[in-house]
Amino acid sequence: SAYIQAEQLAIAQEISKGLSDGERYLLDERWDLAMISFDKALALNPILPSLVKGREEAIQRKLFDEKIKFYIDNPMILLDEGVLPEVRRSLEQAANFYFSEVSLMPERIRALKDVYEVMSQPIQIQMLSDALTDVVIIRKGAYGKFDSIAVNLAPGHYVATGVRNGYRDVRINFSVIPGEELALKIACTERI
């Protein structure tokens, strides 16, 4: 009947509009609007592959953009264990994305690369002791007994321990932060 055909045509036009709007919003990097457009069309045809794919891309790009922005706004979080490799993976993932000519993302990605480079470079710290205490930086290595040594460590959070027979062990939590000099004194001085 003509009514059914008109109704089907109207539905097809709504789906087409949702798809074209969603794709346009994807190009404009307006992820929320893209998701809304795809969702409206998916309500009419929940299995159309181009709609499903478009919505998924909008979700992934929104999450990616939020993650990049979070890392740039909170560079000190890169000191936390496991975050630097995640940032590297995000930067590698960025190579798979298309960015429009007016996109801010390439600039943000460059900024994050700069932060990543700084946070990846080892920094020399000075460790001082009493030549009687055995010193270990957990997950980095044993440094033995010394008066003073220079140690190169990547930015991050660390724990140093000192052990000496007849003395209370010591444990020091410290952070290596780009741009900050660090001299760490660790010695067992309290008899037991």
Protein backbone atom coordinates (compact mmCIF):
# COMPACT_ATOMS: atom_id res chain seq x y z
CA SER A 1 0.00 0.00 0.00
CA ALA A 2 1.02 3.59 -0.58
CA TYR A 3 0.89 4.34 3.16
CA ILE A 4 3.38 1.57 4.01
CA GLN A 5 5.68 2.66 1.19
CA ALA A 6 5.55 6.27 2.40
CA GLU A 7 6.29 5.14 5.96
CA GLN A 8 9.22 2.98 4.80
CA LEU A 9 10.57 5.88 2.75
CA ALA A 10 10.34 8.19 5.77
CA ILE A 11 12.21 5.64 7.90
CA ALA A 12 14.89 5.22 5.21
CA GLN A 13 15.28 9.01 5.02
CA GLU A 14 15.64 9.25 8.83
CA ILE A 15 18.26 6.50 8.79
CA SER A 16 20.09 8.23 5.93
CA LYS A 17 19.96 11.57 7.77
CA GLY A 18 21.26 9.97 11.00
CA LEU A 19 24.10 8.34 9.08
CA SER A 20 25.09 11.49 7.17
CA ASP A 21 24.81 13.69 10.29
CA GLY A 22 26.81 11.17 12.31
CA GLU A 23 29.54 11.00 9.68
CA ARG A 24 29.69 14.80 9.46
CA TYR A 25 29.97 15.07 13.25
CA LEU A 26 32.74 12.46 13.19
CA LEU A 27 34.70 14.61 10.73
CA ASP A 28 34.07 17.66 12.94
CA GLU A 29 35.19 15.64 16.01
CA ARG A 30 31.90 16.31 17.75
CA TRP A 31 31.69 12.86 19.26
CA ASP A 32 28.59 13.33 21.44
CA LEU A 33 26.53 14.67 18.54
CA ALA A 34 27.80 11.84 16.32
CA MET A 35 26.67 9.27 18.90
CA ILE A 36 23.24 10.92 19.18
CA SER A 37 22.82 10.89 15.39
CA PHE A 38 23.87 7.27 15.09
CA ASP A 39 21.67 6.29 18.05
CA LYS A 40 18.59 7.88 16.46
CA ALA A 41 19.21 5.96 13.25
CA LEU A 42 20.03 2.76 15.12
CA ALA A 43 16.66 3.01 16.89
CA LEU A 44 15.13 2.57 13.45
CA ASN A 45 17.59 -0.07 12.20
CA PRO A 46 19.74 -1.55 14.98
CA ILE A 47 21.80 -3.81 12.71
CA LEU A 48 22.85 -1.57 9.83
CA PRO A 49 26.67 -2.05 9.79
CA SER A 50 27.54 1.54 8.84
CA LEU A 51 25.53 2.86 11.80
CA VAL A 52 27.01 0.36 14.25
CA LYS A 53 30.53 1.12 12.98
CA GLY A 54 29.98 4.90 13.11
CA ARG A 55 28.66 4.80 16.66
CA GLU A 56 31.57 2.60 17.77
CA GLU A 57 34.06 4.98 16.15
CA ALA A 58 32.45 7.96 17.91
CA ILE A 59 32.70 6.17 21.26
CA GLN A 60 36.32 5.12 20.70
CA ARG A 61 37.39 8.56 19.54
CA LYS A 62 35.66 10.29 22.43
CA LEU A 63 37.39 8.01 24.93
CA PHE A 64 40.70 8.49 23.14
CA ASP A 65 40.37 12.28 23.13
CA GLU A 66 39.45 12.30 26.83
CA LYS A 67 42.45 10.12 27.65
CA ILE A 68 44.88 12.32 25.70
CA LYS A 69 43.49 15.45 27.33
CA PHE A 70 43.71 13.83 30.79
CA TYR A 71 47.38 12.91 30.31
CA ILE A 72 48.24 16.43 29.09
CA ASP A 73 46.35 18.07 31.96
CA ASN A 74 47.87 15.68 34.54
CA PRO A 75 51.44 14.97 33.44
CA MET A 76 52.53 13.85 36.92
CA ILE A 77 50.30 10.78 36.58
CA LEU A 78 52.89 9.53 34.08
CA LEU A 79 55.12 8.91 37.11
CA ASP A 80 52.77 6.14 38.27
CA GLU A 81 53.80 2.62 37.39
CA GLY A 82 52.29 1.31 34.18
CA VAL A 83 51.05 4.68 32.91
CA LEU A 84 54.01 5.48 30.65
CA PRO A 85 53.55 2.29 28.57
CA GLU A 86 49.83 3.10 28.26
CA VAL A 87 50.70 6.58 26.97
CA ARG A 88 53.09 5.03 24.42
CA ARG A 89 50.28 2.73 23.23
CA SER A 90 47.93 5.72 22.96
CA LEU A 91 50.47 7.62 20.87
CA GLU A 92 50.87 4.59 18.61
CA GLN A 93 47.08 4.31 18.33
CA ALA A 94 46.88 7.97 17.26
CA ALA A 95 48.66 7.07 14.02
CA ASN A 96 45.56 5.07 13.00
CA PHE A 97 43.16 7.99 13.28
CA TYR A 98 42.15 10.51 10.64
CA PHE A 99 42.15 14.13 11.77
CA SER A 100 40.46 16.95 9.90
CA GLU A 101 42.43 20.03 8.92
CA VAL A 102 40.89 22.02 11.76
CA SER A 103 41.40 19.32 14.36
CA LEU A 104 43.07 20.19 17.64
CA MET A 105 44.10 16.57 18.19
CA PRO A 106 47.39 16.61 16.24
CA GLU A 107 48.52 19.53 18.43
CA ARG A 108 47.42 17.67 21.59
CA ILE A 109 49.17 14.52 20.44
CA ARG A 110 52.37 16.50 19.80
CA ALA A 111 52.06 17.99 23.30
CA LEU A 112 51.61 14.53 24.79
CA LYS A 113 54.64 13.25 22.81
CA ASP A 114 56.68 16.07 24.33
CA VAL A 115 55.50 15.17 27.84
CA TYR A 116 56.18 11.49 27.13
CA GLU A 117 59.73 12.25 25.96
CA VAL A 118 60.48 14.26 29.10
CA MET A 119 58.99 11.59 31.37
CA SER A 120 60.93 8.83 29.58
CA GLN A 121 64.38 10.36 30.01
CA PRO A 122 66.47 9.06 32.92
CA ILE A 123 67.50 11.64 35.49
CA GLN A 124 70.66 11.48 37.52
CA ILE A 125 70.12 11.56 41.26
CA GLN A 126 72.75 11.65 43.98
CA MET A 127 72.55 8.97 46.67
CA LEU A 128 74.43 9.52 49.92
CA SER A 129 75.10 6.92 52.62
CA ASP A 130 77.59 6.04 55.35
CA ALA A 131 79.62 3.32 53.57
CA LEU A 132 78.24 0.88 56.18
CA THR A 133 74.64 0.46 54.98
CA ASP A 134 73.69 -1.87 52.11
CA VAL A 135 71.35 0.10 49.84
CA VAL A 136 68.76 -1.29 47.42
CA ILE A 137 66.31 0.55 45.20
CA ILE A 138 63.42 -1.87 44.92
CA ARG A 139 62.82 -3.11 41.34
CA LYS A 140 65.99 -1.31 40.20
CA GLY A 141 68.90 -2.98 41.90
CA ALA A 142 71.35 -3.31 44.76
CA TYR A 143 73.94 -0.58 45.12
CA GLY A 144 75.84 -2.00 48.10
CA LYS A 145 77.76 0.18 50.54
CA PHE A 146 78.92 3.63 49.48
CA ASP A 147 79.48 7.20 50.61
CA SER A 148 78.08 8.81 47.49
CA ILE A 149 77.02 7.55 44.06
CA ALA A 150 75.16 8.95 41.08
CA VAL A 151 72.24 6.83 39.84
CA ASN A 152 70.24 7.32 36.64
CA LEU A 153 66.52 6.67 37.14
CA ALA A 154 63.53 7.27 34.91
CA PRO A 155 60.98 9.66 36.36
CA GLY A 156 58.70 7.79 38.74
CA HIS A 157 58.07 6.68 42.29
CA TYR A 158 60.64 4.51 44.06
CA VAL A 159 61.44 2.86 47.36
CA ALA A 160 65.00 2.65 48.68
CA THR A 161 65.92 0.38 51.55
CA GLY A 162 68.99 0.29 53.75
CA VAL A 163 70.18 -2.70 55.80
CA ARG A 164 73.03 -2.89 58.33
CA ASN A 165 73.67 -5.61 60.93
CA GLY A 166 72.80 -4.44 64.44
CA TYR A 167 70.84 -1.44 63.15
CA ARG A 168 67.19 -0.77 62.34
CA ASP A 169 66.47 -1.09 58.61
CA VAL A 170 65.41 2.08 56.83
CA ARG A 171 62.96 2.55 54.00
CA ILE A 172 62.52 5.75 52.01
CA ASN A 173 59.81 6.47 49.43
CA PHE A 174 60.92 9.04 46.88
CA SER A 175 59.96 10.42 43.50
CA VAL A 176 62.18 11.33 40.58
CA ILE A 177 60.59 14.31 38.85
CA PRO A 178 61.87 16.02 35.69
CA GLY A 179 63.38 19.41 36.42
CA GLU A 180 63.95 18.70 40.11
CA GLU A 181 67.32 17.82 41.59
CA LEU A 182 67.35 15.03 44.13
CA ALA A 183 69.95 14.06 46.69
CA LEU A 184 68.81 11.07 48.72
CA LYS A 185 70.47 10.14 52.03
CA ILE A 186 69.92 6.61 53.23
CA ALA A 187 71.80 5.17 56.19
CA CYS A 188 70.98 2.88 59.11
CA THR A 189 71.84 4.89 62.20
CA GLU A 190 69.51 3.57 64.92
CA ARG A 191 71.00 0.66 66.93
CA ILE A 192 68.72 -2.24 67.90
